[in-house]
Amino acid sequence: MARHLTSARSDIIANRQLDVWEIAWVWTYPVAAREQIAPLEALLYHSFHPQSPLINGTVPPRAPSIFRIPEPEQKVQVMSDREINERRDPAQRLPRQAEHYAQVVGHFLAVKESKQIARAMRAHFQRLAKYHEMLLGIADAEGIDDTEPD
């Protein structure tokens, strides 16, 4: 945890790349020696990123595939089950994601045009599209007809 709250890792929060509203869990992976941090971070990044784009300041080089992902030593829930369930609702997530995407784009245009922020924009746009489709799916399931007169 200390690793991600220091130095370059805190930049993803300062540069608005990460929306802390989305953090429900913190997993810890302690290492015995400092030189083990980079390979572990690379392994975790390249394992989890394909499942859902991660917001990371930089893309670490791929670690040798001889390693397997360790179990986290701790899994700390930082929001209540009720909050997690509420925040999974596309009716809440879509407006929040749209607002956050606009903030990231504004930061990119006004403050810092960088590869890192561009990557964050791409990830947040993918999430925005996903939540948009989820919300439309709810509308379809509820029988809302888009051919009705306005």
Protein backbone atom coordinates (compact mmCIF):
# COMPACT_ATOMS: atom_id res chain seq x y z
CA MET A 1 0.00 0.00 0.00
CA ALA A 2 2.79 2.44 0.86
CA ARG A 3 4.23 1.86 -2.59
CA HIS A 4 1.07 3.09 -4.25
CA LEU A 5 0.63 6.11 -2.03
CA THR A 6 4.07 7.52 -2.73
CA SER A 7 5.95 9.15 -5.58
CA ALA A 8 4.79 8.29 -9.09
CA ARG A 9 1.97 6.11 -7.79
CA SER A 10 0.24 9.11 -6.22
CA ASP A 11 0.40 10.91 -9.58
CA ILE A 12 -2.51 8.83 -10.86
CA ILE A 13 -4.67 10.44 -8.20
CA ALA A 14 -3.21 13.94 -8.57
CA ASN A 15 -3.59 13.81 -12.36
CA ARG A 16 -7.21 12.65 -11.97
CA GLN A 17 -6.46 9.39 -13.76
CA LEU A 18 -7.96 7.30 -10.96
CA ASP A 19 -11.42 7.95 -9.54
CA VAL A 20 -11.17 7.01 -5.87
CA TRP A 21 -14.99 6.59 -5.88
CA GLU A 22 -14.38 3.23 -7.61
CA ILE A 23 -12.02 1.76 -5.01
CA ALA A 24 -13.82 -0.83 -2.90
CA TRP A 25 -10.93 -3.11 -1.97
CA VAL A 26 -7.20 -2.78 -1.38
CA TRP A 27 -5.06 -5.88 -1.79
CA THR A 28 -1.56 -6.03 -0.36
CA TYR A 29 1.37 -8.00 -1.75
CA PRO A 30 4.33 -7.52 0.60
CA VAL A 31 7.78 -8.40 -0.71
CA ALA A 32 10.96 -9.32 1.13
CA ALA A 33 13.26 -7.06 -0.89
CA ARG A 34 12.81 -3.77 -2.75
CA GLU A 35 14.01 -5.28 -6.04
CA GLN A 36 11.01 -7.63 -6.01
CA ILE A 37 8.53 -4.74 -6.32
CA ALA A 38 8.94 -4.03 -10.06
CA PRO A 39 8.62 -7.67 -11.22
CA LEU A 40 5.59 -8.20 -8.97
CA GLU A 41 3.96 -4.99 -10.18
CA ALA A 42 4.57 -6.02 -13.80
CA LEU A 43 3.12 -9.47 -13.19
CA LEU A 44 0.01 -8.06 -11.51
CA TYR A 45 -0.47 -5.37 -14.16
CA HIS A 46 -0.18 -7.74 -17.13
CA SER A 47 -2.39 -10.33 -15.43
CA PHE A 48 -5.24 -8.02 -14.38
CA HIS A 49 -5.18 -5.37 -17.15
CA PRO A 50 -6.71 -7.65 -19.83
CA GLN A 51 -9.66 -8.36 -17.52
CA SER A 52 -10.42 -4.67 -17.00
CA PRO A 53 -8.12 -1.81 -18.03
CA LEU A 54 -6.06 -0.65 -15.08
CA ILE A 55 -5.25 2.96 -14.40
CA ASN A 56 -1.50 2.94 -14.04
CA GLY A 57 0.96 5.79 -14.45
CA THR A 58 3.21 3.74 -16.70
CA VAL A 59 2.99 0.32 -18.27
CA PRO A 60 5.59 -1.88 -16.63
CA PRO A 61 7.60 -4.18 -18.89
CA ARG A 62 6.24 -7.71 -19.00
CA ALA A 63 7.76 -9.91 -16.30
CA PRO A 64 9.19 -13.32 -17.15
CA SER A 65 6.36 -15.84 -17.22
CA ILE A 66 8.13 -18.12 -14.73
CA PHE A 67 6.31 -16.32 -11.92
CA ARG A 68 2.73 -16.96 -10.91
CA ILE A 69 0.48 -14.45 -9.20
CA PRO A 70 0.73 -14.83 -5.45
CA GLU A 71 -2.32 -14.63 -3.24
CA PRO A 72 -2.61 -11.18 -1.65
CA GLU A 73 -1.53 -11.16 1.97
CA GLN A 74 -4.44 -8.89 2.83
CA LYS A 75 -7.71 -7.93 1.19
CA VAL A 76 -9.09 -4.85 2.90
CA GLN A 77 -12.61 -3.69 2.10
CA VAL A 78 -12.64 0.13 2.19
CA MET A 79 -16.35 0.69 1.57
CA SER A 80 -19.42 -1.02 2.92
CA ASP A 81 -21.28 -3.80 1.09
CA ARG A 82 -24.23 -1.42 0.74
CA GLU A 83 -22.04 1.21 -0.96
CA ILE A 84 -20.50 -1.39 -3.25
CA ASN A 85 -23.93 -2.61 -4.34
CA GLU A 86 -25.21 0.94 -4.85
CA ARG A 87 -22.16 1.91 -6.88
CA ARG A 88 -22.57 -1.10 -9.17
CA ASP A 89 -25.88 0.35 -10.35
CA PRO A 90 -25.41 1.69 -13.90
CA ALA A 91 -27.76 4.59 -13.06
CA GLN A 92 -25.11 5.75 -10.56
CA ARG A 93 -22.00 4.64 -12.40
CA LEU A 94 -22.75 6.17 -15.79
CA PRO A 95 -23.18 9.78 -14.58
CA ARG A 96 -20.15 9.44 -12.29
CA GLN A 97 -18.04 7.94 -15.09
CA ALA A 98 -19.15 10.65 -17.54
CA GLU A 99 -18.18 13.33 -15.04
CA HIS A 100 -14.83 11.71 -14.33
CA TYR A 101 -14.10 11.19 -18.03
CA ALA A 102 -14.76 14.89 -18.64
CA GLN A 103 -12.36 15.78 -15.80
CA VAL A 104 -9.61 13.57 -17.24
CA VAL A 105 -10.09 15.07 -20.71
CA GLY A 106 -10.04 18.59 -19.24
CA HIS A 107 -6.85 17.79 -17.33
CA PHE A 108 -5.27 16.38 -20.50
CA LEU A 109 -6.15 19.50 -22.50
CA ALA A 110 -5.42 22.16 -19.90
CA VAL A 111 -2.62 20.72 -17.78
CA LYS A 112 -0.74 17.74 -19.11
CA GLU A 113 -0.88 16.03 -22.49
CA SER A 114 0.86 12.75 -21.74
CA LYS A 115 0.78 9.09 -22.74
CA GLN A 116 -0.22 8.18 -19.20
CA ILE A 117 -3.26 10.44 -19.16
CA ALA A 118 -4.18 9.40 -22.70
CA ARG A 119 -4.16 5.77 -21.52
CA ALA A 120 -6.39 6.73 -18.59
CA MET A 121 -8.75 8.53 -20.99
CA ARG A 122 -8.97 5.37 -23.10
CA ALA A 123 -9.72 3.18 -20.06
CA HIS A 124 -12.34 5.58 -18.70
CA PHE A 125 -13.99 5.89 -22.11
CA GLN A 126 -14.23 2.08 -22.31
CA ARG A 127 -15.86 2.06 -18.88
CA LEU A 128 -18.19 4.88 -19.90
CA ALA A 129 -19.30 2.90 -22.97
CA LYS A 130 -19.76 -0.23 -20.83
CA TYR A 131 -21.96 1.56 -18.28
CA HIS A 132 -23.87 3.25 -21.10
CA GLU A 133 -24.69 -0.13 -22.64
CA MET A 134 -25.64 -1.53 -19.22
CA LEU A 135 -28.05 1.35 -18.65
CA LEU A 136 -29.55 0.91 -22.12
CA GLY A 137 -29.95 -2.79 -21.32
CA ILE A 138 -31.99 -1.85 -18.27
CA ALA A 139 -34.13 0.45 -20.40
CA ASP A 140 -34.68 -2.37 -22.92
CA ALA A 141 -35.58 -4.81 -20.14
CA GLU A 142 -38.11 -2.33 -18.76
CA GLY A 143 -39.77 -2.08 -22.16
CA ILE A 144 -38.83 1.52 -22.88
CA ASP A 145 -39.45 1.99 -26.60
CA ASP A 146 -37.21 4.44 -28.42
CA THR A 147 -39.79 4.82 -31.20
CA GLU A 148 -42.23 6.60 -28.91
CA PRO A 149 -42.82 10.26 -29.81
CA ASP A 150 -40.90 12.74 -27.67
